[in-house]
């Protein structure tokens, strides 16, 4: 059975610390100039930060799903025991 894992991230960057009206610097993700700043004060578009977090969460989610163990059927347990 196939499944789809979807991750959506929305950051609230309404605070004044996320905008520098005086300086436009290259985004740390896409290198396009932006006046937006992440929580560390580094130039970054909000959409780039959201995509970056979503990709990280998606990778973690896939790793957790891959680690799930499918329980052995009773028949295979009997075969191993004999």
C-alpha atoms as a PDB file:
ATOM      1  CA  UNK A   1       0.000   0.000   0.000  1.00  0.00           C
ATOM      2  CA  UNK A   2       1.455   3.360  -1.047  1.00  0.00           C
ATOM      3  CA  UNK A   3       1.024   6.484   1.026  1.00  0.00           C
ATOM      4  CA  UNK A   4       1.776  10.132   0.502  1.00  0.00           C
ATOM      5  CA  UNK A   5       3.429  12.260   3.140  1.00  0.00           C
ATOM      6  CA  UNK A   6       2.682  15.993   2.883  1.00  0.00           C
ATOM      7  CA  UNK A   7       4.361  18.637   5.024  1.00  0.00           C
ATOM      8  CA  UNK A   8       3.231  22.266   5.072  1.00  0.00           C
ATOM      9  CA  UNK A   9       4.958  24.900   7.166  1.00  0.00           C
ATOM     10  CA  UNK A  10       3.799  28.458   7.767  1.00  0.00           C
ATOM     11  CA  UNK A  11       5.998  30.779   9.806  1.00  0.00           C
ATOM     12  CA  UNK A  12       4.652  33.927  11.459  1.00  0.00           C
ATOM     13  CA  UNK A  13       7.120  36.625  10.475  1.00  0.00           C
ATOM     14  CA  UNK A  14       4.909  39.609  11.309  1.00  0.00           C
ATOM     15  CA  UNK A  15       7.324  40.834  13.989  1.00  0.00           C
ATOM     16  CA  UNK A  16       9.616  43.768  13.181  1.00  0.00           C
ATOM     17  CA  UNK A  17      12.732  41.640  13.724  1.00  0.00           C
ATOM     18  CA  UNK A  18      12.023  39.791  10.484  1.00  0.00           C
ATOM     19  CA  UNK A  19      12.333  42.868   8.277  1.00  0.00           C
ATOM     20  CA  UNK A  20      15.301  45.183   7.660  1.00  0.00           C
ATOM     21  CA  UNK A  21      14.065  48.158   5.668  1.00  0.00           C
ATOM     22  CA  UNK A  22      17.577  49.587   5.322  1.00  0.00           C
ATOM     23  CA  UNK A  23      19.552  46.677   3.885  1.00  0.00           C
ATOM     24  CA  UNK A  24      18.837  44.079   1.229  1.00  0.00           C
ATOM     25  CA  UNK A  25      21.143  41.047   1.477  1.00  0.00           C
ATOM     26  CA  UNK A  26      21.373  37.703  -0.379  1.00  0.00           C
ATOM     27  CA  UNK A  27      19.038  35.029   0.990  1.00  0.00           C
ATOM     28  CA  UNK A  28      20.976  32.214   2.669  1.00  0.00           C
ATOM     29  CA  UNK A  29      18.939  29.666   0.690  1.00  0.00           C
ATOM     30  CA  UNK A  30      18.367  31.056  -2.824  1.00  0.00           C
ATOM     31  CA  UNK A  31      20.897  33.955  -2.892  1.00  0.00           C
ATOM     32  CA  UNK A  32      18.291  36.409  -4.223  1.00  0.00           C
ATOM     33  CA  UNK A  33      18.362  39.727  -2.354  1.00  0.00           C
ATOM     34  CA  UNK A  34      15.835  40.155   0.428  1.00  0.00           C
ATOM     35  CA  UNK A  35      15.074  42.479   3.308  1.00  0.00           C
ATOM     36  CA  UNK A  36      13.590  39.589   5.304  1.00  0.00           C
ATOM     37  CA  UNK A  37      15.539  38.069   8.221  1.00  0.00           C
ATOM     38  CA  UNK A  38      15.193  34.720   9.970  1.00  0.00           C
ATOM     39  CA  UNK A  39      15.127  34.332  13.761  1.00  0.00           C
ATOM     40  CA  UNK A  40      18.944  34.467  13.826  1.00  0.00           C
ATOM     41  CA  UNK A  41      18.974  37.766  11.901  1.00  0.00           C
ATOM     42  CA  UNK A  42      20.320  36.137   8.723  1.00  0.00           C
ATOM     43  CA  UNK A  43      18.859  37.240   5.376  1.00  0.00           C
ATOM     44  CA  UNK A  44      16.254  34.692   4.246  1.00  0.00           C
ATOM     45  CA  UNK A  45      12.923  34.785   2.429  1.00  0.00           C
ATOM     46  CA  UNK A  46      10.037  33.490   4.516  1.00  0.00           C
ATOM     47  CA  UNK A  47       9.090  31.029   1.764  1.00  0.00           C
ATOM     48  CA  UNK A  48      12.683  29.741   1.592  1.00  0.00           C
ATOM     49  CA  UNK A  49      12.742  29.177   5.368  1.00  0.00           C
ATOM     50  CA  UNK A  50       9.349  27.422   5.234  1.00  0.00           C
ATOM     51  CA  UNK A  51      10.501  25.157   2.369  1.00  0.00           C
ATOM     52  CA  UNK A  52      13.735  24.368   4.198  1.00  0.00           C
ATOM     53  CA  UNK A  53      11.876  23.346   7.371  1.00  0.00           C
ATOM     54  CA  UNK A  54       9.315  21.342   5.375  1.00  0.00           C
ATOM     55  CA  UNK A  55      12.089  19.422   3.568  1.00  0.00           C
ATOM     56  CA  UNK A  56      13.761  18.660   6.900  1.00  0.00           C
ATOM     57  CA  UNK A  57      10.496  17.453   8.453  1.00  0.00           C
ATOM     58  CA  UNK A  58       9.716  15.385   5.368  1.00  0.00           C
ATOM     59  CA  UNK A  59      13.106  13.675   5.601  1.00  0.00           C
ATOM     60  CA  UNK A  60      12.568  12.888   9.275  1.00  0.00           C
ATOM     61  CA  UNK A  61       9.048  11.626   8.547  1.00  0.00           C
ATOM     62  CA  UNK A  62      10.266   9.339   5.773  1.00  0.00           C
ATOM     63  CA  UNK A  63      13.027   7.987   8.005  1.00  0.00           C
ATOM     64  CA  UNK A  64      10.524   7.227  10.770  1.00  0.00           C
ATOM     65  CA  UNK A  65       8.193   5.495   8.335  1.00  0.00           C
ATOM     66  CA  UNK A  66      11.076   3.440   6.891  1.00  0.00           C
ATOM     67  CA  UNK A  67      11.991   2.313  10.426  1.00  0.00           C
ATOM     68  CA  UNK A  68       8.547   0.869  11.078  1.00  0.00           C
ATOM     69  CA  UNK A  69       8.677  -2.894  11.289  1.00  0.00           C
ATOM     70  CA  UNK A  70       5.962  -4.968   9.671  1.00  0.00           C
ATOM     71  CA  UNK A  71       4.909  -7.619  12.172  1.00  0.00           C
ATOM     72  CA  UNK A  72       5.640 -11.137  11.036  1.00  0.00           C
ATOM     73  CA  UNK A  73       2.622 -13.273  10.252  1.00  0.00           C
ATOM     74  CA  UNK A  74       1.838 -16.221  12.470  1.00  0.00           C
ATOM     75  CA  UNK A  75       2.793 -18.573   9.632  1.00  0.00           C
ATOM     76  CA  UNK A  76       6.302 -17.137   9.279  1.00  0.00           C
ATOM     77  CA  UNK A  77       6.767 -17.339  13.062  1.00  0.00           C
ATOM     78  CA  UNK A  78       5.840 -21.030  12.944  1.00  0.00           C
ATOM     79  CA  UNK A  79       8.297 -21.634  10.102  1.00  0.00           C
ATOM     80  CA  UNK A  80      11.112 -20.014  12.077  1.00  0.00           C
ATOM     81  CA  UNK A  81      10.279 -22.045  15.204  1.00  0.00           C
ATOM     82  CA  UNK A  82      10.397 -25.409  13.400  1.00  0.00           C
END
